[in-house]
């Protein structure tokens, strides 16, 4: 479980293709916090398990399903990623509950300055549309954000300068691909209503 508050960025050291892939990241600041083998770490919002850890970074295995569902398969050495260690019992929940289970990848359609921050428009898949509504939480590349506006096939988020500085959104631009995880509460609510309507049909 995660909060969507990104404390660190890492860099891809290696992505080695095997049955799925083995991803090695450089992130000395995160490792200095004491992560160990078997710890869960969100990488661009994807929950991965550390299988090797050293002072400079960690390695995680990535299964084929994750490569299909997320943008991790497109990473190359030198790419930046958002990192968050898993929530511990008693930690402050400053964002929203993020599971690290990516629903889809979406494209950044536009990114424009808005005051000191940014306004970012992203594609809104039909399958996720009921859960991507105005004022709902959404995790984008692991970052907890609030949906500011919605159209038929798009949604927008507003980035404050601090979020742009601390995350990869500072360098991502139009055409970039972002991992999306909808708010778990919205997912359960939509599923419950759909099941109720089906039972009444």
N, C-alpha and C. Protein backbone atom coordinates (compact mmCIF):
# COMPACT_ATOMS: atom_id res chain seq x y z
N UNK A 1 0.84 -1.19 0.00
CA UNK A 1 0.00 0.00 0.00
C UNK A 1 0.88 1.24 0.00
N UNK A 2 0.45 2.27 -0.74
CA UNK A 2 1.24 3.49 -0.89
C UNK A 2 0.33 4.71 -0.73
N UNK A 3 0.94 5.90 -0.71
CA UNK A 3 0.17 7.13 -0.53
C UNK A 3 0.13 8.00 -1.78
N UNK A 4 1.03 7.74 -2.73
CA UNK A 4 1.10 8.59 -3.92
C UNK A 4 1.89 9.86 -3.70
N UNK A 5 2.57 9.97 -2.56
CA UNK A 5 3.46 11.11 -2.31
C UNK A 5 4.89 10.67 -2.62
N UNK A 6 5.44 11.19 -3.69
CA UNK A 6 6.74 10.74 -4.18
C UNK A 6 7.86 11.45 -3.41
N UNK A 7 8.68 10.66 -2.75
CA UNK A 7 9.79 11.23 -1.98
C UNK A 7 11.09 11.19 -2.77
N UNK A 8 11.19 10.26 -3.73
CA UNK A 8 12.46 10.10 -4.44
C UNK A 8 12.22 9.82 -5.92
N UNK A 9 13.20 10.19 -6.72
CA UNK A 9 13.26 9.74 -8.10
C UNK A 9 14.49 8.85 -8.25
N UNK A 10 14.37 7.87 -9.14
CA UNK A 10 15.49 7.00 -9.43
C UNK A 10 15.80 7.03 -10.91
N UNK A 11 16.86 6.34 -11.28
CA UNK A 11 17.22 6.23 -12.70
C UNK A 11 17.43 4.77 -13.07
N UNK A 12 17.00 4.44 -14.28
CA UNK A 12 17.14 3.07 -14.76
C UNK A 12 18.61 2.78 -15.03
N UNK A 13 19.11 1.75 -14.38
CA UNK A 13 20.47 1.29 -14.64
C UNK A 13 20.46 0.22 -15.73
N UNK A 14 19.45 -0.66 -15.66
CA UNK A 14 19.37 -1.75 -16.65
C UNK A 14 17.96 -2.32 -16.66
N UNK A 15 17.48 -2.69 -17.84
CA UNK A 15 16.24 -3.46 -17.99
C UNK A 15 16.58 -4.67 -18.83
N UNK A 16 16.71 -5.81 -18.16
CA UNK A 16 17.14 -7.03 -18.84
C UNK A 16 15.93 -7.92 -19.09
N UNK A 17 15.67 -8.22 -20.35
CA UNK A 17 14.53 -9.05 -20.72
C UNK A 17 14.84 -10.51 -20.45
N UNK A 18 13.92 -11.16 -19.73
CA UNK A 18 14.03 -12.59 -19.49
C UNK A 18 12.65 -13.17 -19.80
N UNK A 19 12.06 -13.98 -18.91
CA UNK A 19 10.68 -14.44 -19.11
C UNK A 19 9.76 -13.22 -19.07
N UNK A 20 10.05 -12.31 -18.17
CA UNK A 20 9.42 -11.00 -18.13
C UNK A 20 10.54 -10.00 -18.31
N UNK A 21 10.97 -9.41 -17.19
CA UNK A 21 12.13 -8.51 -17.24
C UNK A 21 12.70 -8.39 -15.84
N UNK A 22 13.95 -8.00 -15.78
CA UNK A 22 14.60 -7.69 -14.50
C UNK A 22 15.06 -6.24 -14.58
N UNK A 23 14.52 -5.42 -13.68
CA UNK A 23 14.75 -3.98 -13.70
C UNK A 23 15.67 -3.59 -12.55
N UNK A 24 16.77 -2.91 -12.89
CA UNK A 24 17.70 -2.43 -11.88
C UNK A 24 17.70 -0.91 -11.89
N UNK A 25 17.49 -0.32 -10.72
CA UNK A 25 17.37 1.13 -10.59
C UNK A 25 18.46 1.69 -9.69
N UNK A 26 18.91 2.87 -10.03
CA UNK A 26 19.86 3.61 -9.20
C UNK A 26 19.07 4.59 -8.34
N UNK A 27 19.18 4.46 -7.02
CA UNK A 27 18.41 5.32 -6.12
C UNK A 27 19.05 5.31 -4.73
N UNK A 28 20.24 5.88 -4.58
CA UNK A 28 20.94 5.84 -3.30
C UNK A 28 20.17 6.49 -2.15
N UNK A 29 19.41 7.55 -2.44
CA UNK A 29 18.67 8.22 -1.36
C UNK A 29 17.61 7.31 -0.76
N UNK A 30 16.90 6.56 -1.61
CA UNK A 30 15.89 5.63 -1.11
C UNK A 30 16.56 4.49 -0.34
N UNK A 31 17.66 3.98 -0.87
CA UNK A 31 18.36 2.88 -0.19
C UNK A 31 18.88 3.31 1.18
N UNK A 32 19.24 4.58 1.30
CA UNK A 32 19.74 5.09 2.58
C UNK A 32 18.67 5.05 3.66
N UNK A 33 17.40 4.95 3.26
CA UNK A 33 16.31 4.87 4.23
C UNK A 33 16.16 3.47 4.81
N UNK A 34 16.93 2.52 4.27
CA UNK A 34 16.94 1.19 4.86
C UNK A 34 16.05 0.17 4.19
N UNK A 35 15.81 0.29 2.88
CA UNK A 35 15.01 -0.74 2.21
C UNK A 35 15.81 -2.05 2.17
N UNK A 36 15.09 -3.15 2.18
CA UNK A 36 15.73 -4.46 2.20
C UNK A 36 15.07 -5.37 1.16
N UNK A 37 15.70 -6.51 0.91
CA UNK A 37 15.12 -7.51 0.03
C UNK A 37 13.72 -7.89 0.55
N UNK A 38 12.78 -8.04 -0.36
CA UNK A 38 11.37 -8.37 -0.12
C UNK A 38 10.51 -7.14 0.17
N UNK A 39 11.11 -5.95 0.29
CA UNK A 39 10.30 -4.74 0.47
C UNK A 39 9.53 -4.43 -0.81
N UNK A 40 8.33 -3.87 -0.64
CA UNK A 40 7.54 -3.41 -1.78
C UNK A 40 7.87 -1.95 -2.06
N UNK A 41 8.10 -1.66 -3.33
CA UNK A 41 8.45 -0.31 -3.76
C UNK A 41 7.63 0.01 -5.01
N UNK A 42 6.99 1.17 -5.02
CA UNK A 42 6.24 1.60 -6.20
C UNK A 42 7.20 2.28 -7.17
N UNK A 43 7.24 1.76 -8.39
CA UNK A 43 8.08 2.32 -9.45
C UNK A 43 7.14 2.84 -10.54
N UNK A 44 7.06 4.15 -10.69
CA UNK A 44 6.07 4.76 -11.58
C UNK A 44 4.67 4.24 -11.27
N UNK A 45 4.42 4.01 -9.98
CA UNK A 45 3.09 3.57 -9.56
C UNK A 45 2.86 2.08 -9.61
N UNK A 46 3.86 1.30 -10.03
CA UNK A 46 3.74 -0.15 -10.11
C UNK A 46 4.40 -0.77 -8.88
N UNK A 47 3.65 -1.57 -8.15
CA UNK A 47 4.20 -2.23 -6.96
C UNK A 47 5.13 -3.36 -7.38
N UNK A 48 6.41 -3.22 -7.02
CA UNK A 48 7.41 -4.25 -7.31
C UNK A 48 8.07 -4.68 -6.01
N UNK A 49 8.66 -5.86 -6.02
CA UNK A 49 9.36 -6.39 -4.85
C UNK A 49 10.85 -6.38 -5.09
N UNK A 50 11.59 -5.79 -4.17
CA UNK A 50 13.05 -5.75 -4.28
C UNK A 50 13.60 -7.16 -4.08
N UNK A 51 14.38 -7.65 -5.04
CA UNK A 51 14.99 -8.97 -4.93
C UNK A 51 16.50 -8.88 -4.67
N UNK A 52 17.07 -7.72 -4.97
CA UNK A 52 18.47 -7.43 -4.65
C UNK A 52 18.56 -5.97 -4.25
N UNK A 53 19.35 -5.68 -3.23
CA UNK A 53 19.52 -4.30 -2.75
C UNK A 53 20.99 -4.07 -2.45
N UNK A 54 21.51 -2.91 -2.88
CA UNK A 54 22.84 -2.49 -2.46
C UNK A 54 22.77 -1.01 -2.11
N UNK A 55 23.90 -0.41 -1.79
CA UNK A 55 23.90 0.99 -1.34
C UNK A 55 23.45 1.95 -2.43
N UNK A 56 23.58 1.53 -3.69
CA UNK A 56 23.26 2.44 -4.79
C UNK A 56 21.90 2.26 -5.41
N UNK A 57 21.24 1.12 -5.14
CA UNK A 57 19.95 0.90 -5.79
C UNK A 57 19.39 -0.47 -5.48
N UNK A 58 18.43 -0.89 -6.29
CA UNK A 58 17.81 -2.20 -6.08
C UNK A 58 17.37 -2.79 -7.42
N UNK A 59 17.11 -4.09 -7.39
CA UNK A 59 16.65 -4.82 -8.57
C UNK A 59 15.31 -5.47 -8.25
N UNK A 60 14.41 -5.48 -9.25
CA UNK A 60 13.10 -6.11 -9.09
C UNK A 60 12.76 -6.88 -10.35
N UNK A 61 12.04 -7.97 -10.17
CA UNK A 61 11.54 -8.73 -11.32
C UNK A 61 10.20 -8.15 -11.76
N UNK A 62 9.99 -8.11 -13.08
CA UNK A 62 8.76 -7.57 -13.65
C UNK A 62 8.11 -8.65 -14.51
N UNK A 63 6.90 -9.06 -14.15
CA UNK A 63 6.23 -10.14 -14.87
C UNK A 63 5.64 -9.62 -16.19
N UNK A 64 5.39 -10.51 -17.17
CA UNK A 64 4.86 -10.07 -18.47
C UNK A 64 3.59 -9.24 -18.36
N UNK A 65 2.67 -9.60 -17.45
CA UNK A 65 1.43 -8.84 -17.29
C UNK A 65 1.71 -7.38 -16.96
N UNK A 66 2.69 -7.14 -16.11
CA UNK A 66 3.05 -5.77 -15.73
C UNK A 66 3.64 -5.02 -16.92
N UNK A 67 4.43 -5.70 -17.73
CA UNK A 67 5.01 -5.06 -18.91
C UNK A 67 3.93 -4.64 -19.90
N UNK A 68 2.86 -5.44 -19.99
CA UNK A 68 1.76 -5.12 -20.91
C UNK A 68 0.91 -3.97 -20.37
N UNK A 69 0.67 -3.97 -19.06
CA UNK A 69 -0.26 -3.01 -18.45
C UNK A 69 0.36 -1.65 -18.17
N UNK A 70 1.68 -1.58 -18.08
CA UNK A 70 2.34 -0.36 -17.61
C UNK A 70 3.36 0.15 -18.62
N UNK A 71 3.98 1.28 -18.26
CA UNK A 71 5.02 1.85 -19.13
C UNK A 71 6.43 1.36 -18.77
N UNK A 72 6.53 0.40 -17.85
CA UNK A 72 7.86 -0.06 -17.43
C UNK A 72 8.62 -0.74 -18.57
N UNK A 73 7.89 -1.41 -19.45
CA UNK A 73 8.55 -2.11 -20.55
C UNK A 73 9.22 -1.19 -21.55
N UNK A 74 8.85 0.08 -21.54
CA UNK A 74 9.44 1.04 -22.48
C UNK A 74 10.64 1.77 -21.89
N UNK A 75 10.99 1.47 -20.64
CA UNK A 75 12.11 2.16 -20.01
C UNK A 75 13.44 1.78 -20.65
N UNK A 76 14.35 2.74 -20.67
CA UNK A 76 15.71 2.50 -21.16
C UNK A 76 16.69 3.07 -20.13
N UNK A 77 17.93 2.60 -20.12
CA UNK A 77 18.91 3.12 -19.17
C UNK A 77 18.99 4.65 -19.21
N UNK A 78 18.97 5.23 -18.01
CA UNK A 78 19.03 6.69 -17.89
C UNK A 78 17.68 7.33 -17.66
N UNK A 79 16.59 6.62 -17.97
CA UNK A 79 15.25 7.17 -17.74
C UNK A 79 15.01 7.40 -16.25
N UNK A 80 14.28 8.46 -15.93
CA UNK A 80 13.90 8.73 -14.56
C UNK A 80 12.59 8.04 -14.22
N UNK A 81 12.43 7.64 -12.95
CA UNK A 81 11.20 7.01 -12.48
C UNK A 81 10.84 7.57 -11.11
N UNK A 82 9.55 7.56 -10.81
CA UNK A 82 9.07 7.95 -9.48
C UNK A 82 9.14 6.75 -8.55
N UNK A 83 9.60 6.98 -7.32
CA UNK A 83 9.76 5.90 -6.35
C UNK A 83 9.07 6.24 -5.04
N UNK A 84 8.43 5.23 -4.46
CA UNK A 84 7.85 5.38 -3.13
C UNK A 84 7.93 4.05 -2.40
N UNK A 85 8.51 4.06 -1.21
CA UNK A 85 8.52 2.86 -0.37
C UNK A 85 7.12 2.64 0.18
N UNK A 86 6.80 1.38 0.49
CA UNK A 86 5.45 1.05 0.95
C UNK A 86 5.14 1.70 2.30
N UNK A 87 3.86 1.93 2.50
CA UNK A 87 3.35 2.56 3.72
C UNK A 87 3.54 1.61 4.90
N UNK A 88 3.97 2.17 6.03
CA UNK A 88 4.08 1.39 7.26
C UNK A 88 2.94 1.77 8.20
N UNK A 89 2.52 0.81 9.00
CA UNK A 89 1.45 1.07 9.96
C UNK A 89 1.85 2.23 10.88
N UNK A 90 1.00 3.24 10.94
CA UNK A 90 1.30 4.40 11.76
C UNK A 90 1.83 5.58 10.97
N UNK A 91 2.20 5.36 9.68
CA UNK A 91 2.66 6.47 8.84
C UNK A 91 1.51 7.42 8.53
N UNK A 92 1.85 8.67 8.29
CA UNK A 92 0.84 9.66 7.91
C UNK A 92 0.40 9.41 6.47
N UNK A 93 -0.91 9.43 6.25
CA UNK A 93 -1.48 9.25 4.91
C UNK A 93 -1.76 10.62 4.33
N UNK A 94 -0.82 11.14 3.55
CA UNK A 94 -0.95 12.50 3.04
C UNK A 94 -1.59 12.59 1.67
N UNK A 95 -1.56 11.50 0.90
CA UNK A 95 -2.17 11.52 -0.43
C UNK A 95 -3.49 10.77 -0.40
N UNK A 96 -3.56 9.63 -1.11
CA UNK A 96 -4.70 8.73 -1.00
C UNK A 96 -4.16 7.30 -1.11
N UNK A 97 -4.99 6.33 -0.78
CA UNK A 97 -4.52 4.95 -0.81
C UNK A 97 -4.28 4.50 -2.25
N UNK A 98 -3.05 4.10 -2.50
CA UNK A 98 -2.64 3.63 -3.83
C UNK A 98 -2.15 2.20 -3.67
N UNK A 99 -2.68 1.29 -4.48
CA UNK A 99 -2.34 -0.12 -4.36
C UNK A 99 -1.09 -0.50 -5.15
N UNK A 100 -0.78 0.27 -6.19
CA UNK A 100 0.32 -0.12 -7.06
C UNK A 100 -0.10 -1.09 -8.14
N UNK A 101 -1.42 -1.15 -8.40
CA UNK A 101 -1.97 -2.02 -9.45
C UNK A 101 -2.46 -1.13 -10.59
N UNK A 102 -1.66 -1.02 -11.62
CA UNK A 102 -1.95 -0.10 -12.72
C UNK A 102 -3.11 -0.62 -13.57
N UNK A 103 -4.04 0.27 -13.90
CA UNK A 103 -5.21 -0.10 -14.71
C UNK A 103 -4.94 0.02 -16.20
N UNK A 104 -4.16 1.03 -16.58
CA UNK A 104 -3.93 1.28 -18.01
C UNK A 104 -2.81 2.30 -18.16
N UNK A 105 -2.37 2.46 -19.40
CA UNK A 105 -1.46 3.54 -19.76
C UNK A 105 -2.24 4.55 -20.60
N UNK A 106 -1.99 5.83 -20.38
CA UNK A 106 -2.66 6.86 -21.18
C UNK A 106 -1.62 7.85 -21.69
N UNK A 107 -2.01 8.56 -22.74
CA UNK A 107 -1.11 9.53 -23.38
C UNK A 107 -1.36 10.93 -22.84
N UNK A 108 -0.29 11.68 -22.67
CA UNK A 108 -0.42 13.11 -22.35
C UNK A 108 -0.78 13.83 -23.65
N UNK A 109 -1.95 14.46 -23.65
CA UNK A 109 -2.44 15.14 -24.86
C UNK A 109 -1.96 16.59 -24.94
N UNK A 110 -1.78 17.22 -23.79
CA UNK A 110 -1.33 18.62 -23.77
C UNK A 110 -0.75 18.93 -22.40
N UNK A 111 0.19 19.86 -22.38
CA UNK A 111 0.79 20.32 -21.13
C UNK A 111 1.08 21.81 -21.28
N UNK A 112 0.39 22.62 -20.48
CA UNK A 112 0.52 24.06 -20.62
C UNK A 112 0.76 24.70 -19.26
N UNK A 113 1.47 25.81 -19.28
CA UNK A 113 1.71 26.57 -18.06
C UNK A 113 0.39 27.13 -17.51
N UNK A 114 0.25 27.06 -16.19
CA UNK A 114 -0.90 27.64 -15.51
C UNK A 114 -0.38 28.30 -14.23
N UNK A 115 -0.18 29.61 -14.29
CA UNK A 115 0.45 30.30 -13.17
C UNK A 115 1.88 29.80 -13.02
N UNK A 116 2.25 29.41 -11.80
CA UNK A 116 3.58 28.87 -11.55
C UNK A 116 3.65 27.36 -11.82
N UNK A 117 2.49 26.75 -12.04
CA UNK A 117 2.44 25.30 -12.25
C UNK A 117 2.10 24.93 -13.68
N UNK A 118 1.45 23.76 -13.81
CA UNK A 118 1.12 23.23 -15.12
C UNK A 118 -0.31 22.69 -15.13
N UNK A 119 -0.92 22.74 -16.28
CA UNK A 119 -2.20 22.07 -16.53
C UNK A 119 -1.91 20.96 -17.53
N UNK A 120 -2.26 19.73 -17.18
CA UNK A 120 -1.94 18.58 -18.03
C UNK A 120 -3.23 17.88 -18.43
N UNK A 121 -3.40 17.68 -19.72
CA UNK A 121 -4.57 16.95 -20.25
C UNK A 121 -4.12 15.57 -20.71
N UNK A 122 -4.89 14.55 -20.31
CA UNK A 122 -4.56 13.17 -20.63
C UNK A 122 -5.77 12.47 -21.26
N UNK A 123 -5.49 11.42 -22.02
CA UNK A 123 -6.57 10.64 -22.62
C UNK A 123 -7.36 9.93 -21.53
N UNK A 124 -8.67 9.82 -21.74
CA UNK A 124 -9.59 9.19 -20.77
C UNK A 124 -10.19 7.94 -21.41
N UNK A 125 -9.65 6.76 -21.11
CA UNK A 125 -10.17 5.53 -21.72
C UNK A 125 -11.62 5.28 -21.35
N UNK A 126 -12.39 4.77 -22.29
CA UNK A 126 -13.81 4.51 -22.03
C UNK A 126 -14.00 3.53 -20.88
N UNK A 127 -13.12 2.54 -20.79
CA UNK A 127 -13.27 1.53 -19.75
C UNK A 127 -13.09 2.10 -18.34
N UNK A 128 -12.36 3.20 -18.23
CA UNK A 128 -12.11 3.81 -16.92
C UNK A 128 -12.92 5.08 -16.70
N UNK A 129 -13.66 5.51 -17.71
CA UNK A 129 -14.37 6.80 -17.65
C UNK A 129 -15.26 6.96 -16.41
N UNK A 130 -16.02 5.93 -15.99
CA UNK A 130 -16.88 6.13 -14.81
C UNK A 130 -16.11 6.42 -13.53
N UNK A 131 -14.82 6.08 -13.51
CA UNK A 131 -14.01 6.29 -12.31
C UNK A 131 -13.10 7.51 -12.42
N UNK A 132 -13.01 8.07 -13.62
CA UNK A 132 -12.19 9.26 -13.84
C UNK A 132 -13.13 10.46 -13.95
N UNK A 133 -13.56 10.95 -12.81
CA UNK A 133 -14.54 12.04 -12.76
C UNK A 133 -13.94 13.23 -12.00
N UNK A 134 -14.55 14.39 -12.20
CA UNK A 134 -14.04 15.61 -11.58
C UNK A 134 -13.98 15.48 -10.06
N UNK A 135 -12.86 15.91 -9.49
CA UNK A 135 -12.56 15.91 -8.05
C UNK A 135 -12.22 14.54 -7.49
N UNK A 136 -12.18 13.52 -8.34
CA UNK A 136 -11.77 12.18 -7.88
C UNK A 136 -10.26 12.12 -7.77
N UNK A 137 -9.78 11.24 -6.89
CA UNK A 137 -8.35 10.96 -6.84
C UNK A 137 -7.96 10.09 -8.02
N UNK A 138 -6.71 10.23 -8.45
CA UNK A 138 -6.13 9.34 -9.46
C UNK A 138 -4.62 9.30 -9.20
N UNK A 139 -4.02 8.14 -9.43
CA UNK A 139 -2.57 8.01 -9.33
C UNK A 139 -2.00 7.94 -10.75
N UNK A 140 -1.13 8.88 -11.08
CA UNK A 140 -0.49 8.93 -12.40
C UNK A 140 1.01 8.75 -12.22
N UNK A 141 1.53 7.66 -12.78
CA UNK A 141 2.93 7.29 -12.54
C UNK A 141 3.24 7.28 -11.05
N UNK A 142 2.23 6.87 -10.26
CA UNK A 142 2.40 6.75 -8.83
C UNK A 142 2.16 8.02 -8.03
N UNK A 143 1.85 9.13 -8.71
CA UNK A 143 1.66 10.42 -8.04
C UNK A 143 0.18 10.62 -7.72
N UNK A 144 -0.13 10.88 -6.45
CA UNK A 144 -1.50 11.14 -6.04
C UNK A 144 -1.93 12.53 -6.51
N UNK A 145 -2.98 12.57 -7.34
CA UNK A 145 -3.45 13.83 -7.90
C UNK A 145 -4.98 13.86 -7.87
N UNK A 146 -5.52 15.05 -8.04
CA UNK A 146 -6.97 15.24 -8.10
C UNK A 146 -7.36 15.66 -9.50
N UNK A 147 -8.40 15.04 -10.04
CA UNK A 147 -8.86 15.39 -11.38
C UNK A 147 -9.53 16.75 -11.34
N UNK A 148 -9.04 17.67 -12.17
CA UNK A 148 -9.53 19.05 -12.16
C UNK A 148 -10.67 19.29 -13.14
N UNK A 149 -10.67 18.55 -14.25
CA UNK A 149 -11.71 18.73 -15.26
C UNK A 149 -11.79 17.46 -16.10
N UNK A 150 -12.96 17.27 -16.73
CA UNK A 150 -13.21 16.05 -17.51
C UNK A 150 -13.94 16.41 -18.79
N UNK A 151 -13.55 15.76 -19.89
CA UNK A 151 -14.28 15.86 -21.15
C UNK A 151 -14.68 14.47 -21.59
N UNK A 152 -15.25 14.36 -22.78
CA UNK A 152 -15.74 13.07 -23.27
C UNK A 152 -14.62 12.04 -23.35
N UNK A 153 -13.44 12.46 -23.81
CA UNK A 153 -12.34 11.51 -23.99
C UNK A 153 -11.04 12.01 -23.37
N UNK A 154 -11.13 12.93 -22.42
CA UNK A 154 -9.93 13.45 -21.76
C UNK A 154 -10.24 13.82 -20.32
N UNK A 155 -9.18 13.94 -19.52
CA UNK A 155 -9.29 14.52 -18.19
C UNK A 155 -8.05 15.34 -17.92
N UNK A 156 -8.16 16.28 -16.99
CA UNK A 156 -7.05 17.18 -16.71
C UNK A 156 -6.69 17.16 -15.23
N UNK A 157 -5.40 17.37 -14.98
CA UNK A 157 -4.92 17.55 -13.61
C UNK A 157 -4.09 18.83 -13.57
N UNK A 158 -4.02 19.43 -12.39
CA UNK A 158 -3.23 20.64 -12.19
C UNK A 158 -2.01 20.28 -11.34
N UNK A 159 -0.84 20.66 -11.81
CA UNK A 159 0.40 20.37 -11.09
C UNK A 159 0.93 21.62 -10.42
N UNK A 160 1.19 21.55 -9.12
CA UNK A 160 1.87 22.64 -8.45
C UNK A 160 3.37 22.51 -8.73
N UNK A 161 4.13 23.58 -8.60
CA UNK A 161 5.57 23.51 -8.90
C UNK A 161 6.31 22.43 -8.11
N UNK A 162 5.92 22.22 -6.85
CA UNK A 162 6.60 21.23 -6.01
C UNK A 162 6.44 19.82 -6.58
N UNK A 163 5.23 19.50 -7.07
CA UNK A 163 5.00 18.18 -7.66
C UNK A 163 5.80 18.01 -8.94
N UNK A 164 5.84 19.05 -9.76
CA UNK A 164 6.62 18.99 -11.00
C UNK A 164 8.10 18.80 -10.70
N UNK A 165 8.58 19.43 -9.63
CA UNK A 165 10.00 19.34 -9.28
C UNK A 165 10.37 17.98 -8.72
N UNK A 166 9.49 17.40 -7.91
CA UNK A 166 9.81 16.16 -7.20
C UNK A 166 9.52 14.89 -8.00
N UNK A 167 8.81 15.03 -9.12
CA UNK A 167 8.39 13.85 -9.89
C UNK A 167 8.81 13.98 -11.35
N UNK A 168 8.59 12.90 -12.09
CA UNK A 168 8.94 12.92 -13.51
C UNK A 168 8.00 13.79 -14.34
N UNK A 169 6.92 14.29 -13.73
CA UNK A 169 6.03 15.18 -14.48
C UNK A 169 6.74 16.48 -14.86
N UNK A 170 7.82 16.80 -14.17
CA UNK A 170 8.57 17.99 -14.53
C UNK A 170 9.20 17.90 -15.90
N UNK A 171 9.50 16.68 -16.36
CA UNK A 171 10.15 16.51 -17.66
C UNK A 171 9.25 15.82 -18.69
N UNK A 172 8.16 15.20 -18.26
CA UNK A 172 7.26 14.56 -19.23
C UNK A 172 6.51 15.63 -20.01
N UNK A 173 6.28 15.35 -21.29
CA UNK A 173 5.64 16.34 -22.14
C UNK A 173 4.58 15.67 -23.00
N UNK A 174 3.97 16.44 -23.88
CA UNK A 174 2.94 15.94 -24.78
C UNK A 174 3.45 14.71 -25.53
N UNK A 175 2.61 13.67 -25.57
CA UNK A 175 2.99 12.42 -26.21
C UNK A 175 3.56 11.40 -25.24
N UNK A 176 3.90 11.83 -24.04
CA UNK A 176 4.41 10.90 -23.04
C UNK A 176 3.34 9.93 -22.58
N UNK A 177 3.76 8.76 -22.13
CA UNK A 177 2.83 7.72 -21.69
C UNK A 177 2.92 7.59 -20.17
N UNK A 178 1.75 7.57 -19.53
CA UNK A 178 1.66 7.62 -18.07
C UNK A 178 0.83 6.44 -17.57
N UNK A 179 1.28 5.83 -16.47
CA UNK A 179 0.49 4.78 -15.81
C UNK A 179 -0.66 5.39 -15.03
N UNK A 180 -1.82 4.75 -15.11
CA UNK A 180 -3.01 5.22 -14.40
C UNK A 180 -3.51 4.15 -13.45
N UNK A 181 -3.75 4.55 -12.21
CA UNK A 181 -4.49 3.71 -11.26
C UNK A 181 -5.63 4.55 -10.71
N UNK A 182 -6.85 4.10 -10.94
CA UNK A 182 -8.00 4.84 -10.44
C UNK A 182 -8.11 4.69 -8.93
N UNK A 183 -8.87 5.58 -8.32
CA UNK A 183 -9.11 5.52 -6.88
C UNK A 183 -9.79 4.19 -6.54
N UNK A 184 -9.21 3.38 -5.66
CA UNK A 184 -9.82 2.08 -5.32
C UNK A 184 -11.26 2.19 -4.85
N UNK A 185 -11.60 3.25 -4.11
CA UNK A 185 -12.97 3.41 -3.64
C UNK A 185 -13.93 3.60 -4.81
N UNK A 186 -13.48 4.36 -5.83
CA UNK A 186 -14.31 4.55 -7.02
C UNK A 186 -14.49 3.23 -7.76
N UNK A 187 -13.42 2.45 -7.84
CA UNK A 187 -13.49 1.16 -8.53
C UNK A 187 -14.53 0.25 -7.88
N UNK A 188 -14.50 0.17 -6.54
CA UNK A 188 -15.43 -0.71 -5.84
C UNK A 188 -16.87 -0.19 -5.95
N UNK A 189 -17.04 1.12 -5.91
CA UNK A 189 -18.38 1.69 -6.02
C UNK A 189 -18.99 1.40 -7.39
N UNK A 190 -18.20 1.60 -8.44
CA UNK A 190 -18.69 1.34 -9.80
C UNK A 190 -19.00 -0.14 -9.98
N UNK A 191 -18.15 -1.02 -9.46
CA UNK A 191 -18.38 -2.46 -9.59
C UNK A 191 -19.64 -2.88 -8.84
N UNK A 192 -19.85 -2.31 -7.65
CA UNK A 192 -21.03 -2.66 -6.86
C UNK A 192 -22.32 -2.21 -7.54
N UNK A 193 -22.32 -1.01 -8.11
CA UNK A 193 -23.50 -0.51 -8.81
C UNK A 193 -23.78 -1.35 -10.05
N UNK A 194 -22.72 -1.69 -10.79
CA UNK A 194 -22.89 -2.51 -12.01
C UNK A 194 -23.48 -3.87 -11.67
N UNK A 195 -23.01 -4.47 -10.58
CA UNK A 195 -23.53 -5.78 -10.17
C UNK A 195 -24.98 -5.68 -9.73
N UNK A 196 -25.32 -4.60 -9.02
CA UNK A 196 -26.70 -4.41 -8.58
C UNK A 196 -27.63 -4.23 -9.77
N UNK A 197 -27.20 -3.42 -10.75
CA UNK A 197 -28.03 -3.20 -11.93
C UNK A 197 -28.21 -4.48 -12.73
N UNK A 198 -27.16 -5.29 -12.80
CA UNK A 198 -27.25 -6.55 -13.53
C UNK A 198 -28.21 -7.51 -12.85
N UNK A 199 -28.20 -7.53 -11.52
CA UNK A 199 -29.08 -8.44 -10.79
C UNK A 199 -30.55 -8.04 -10.93
N UNK A 200 -30.79 -6.76 -11.20
CA UNK A 200 -32.17 -6.27 -11.35
C UNK A 200 -32.68 -6.40 -12.77
N UNK A 201 -31.75 -6.64 -13.71
CA UNK A 201 -32.15 -6.70 -15.12
C UNK A 201 -32.97 -7.97 -15.41
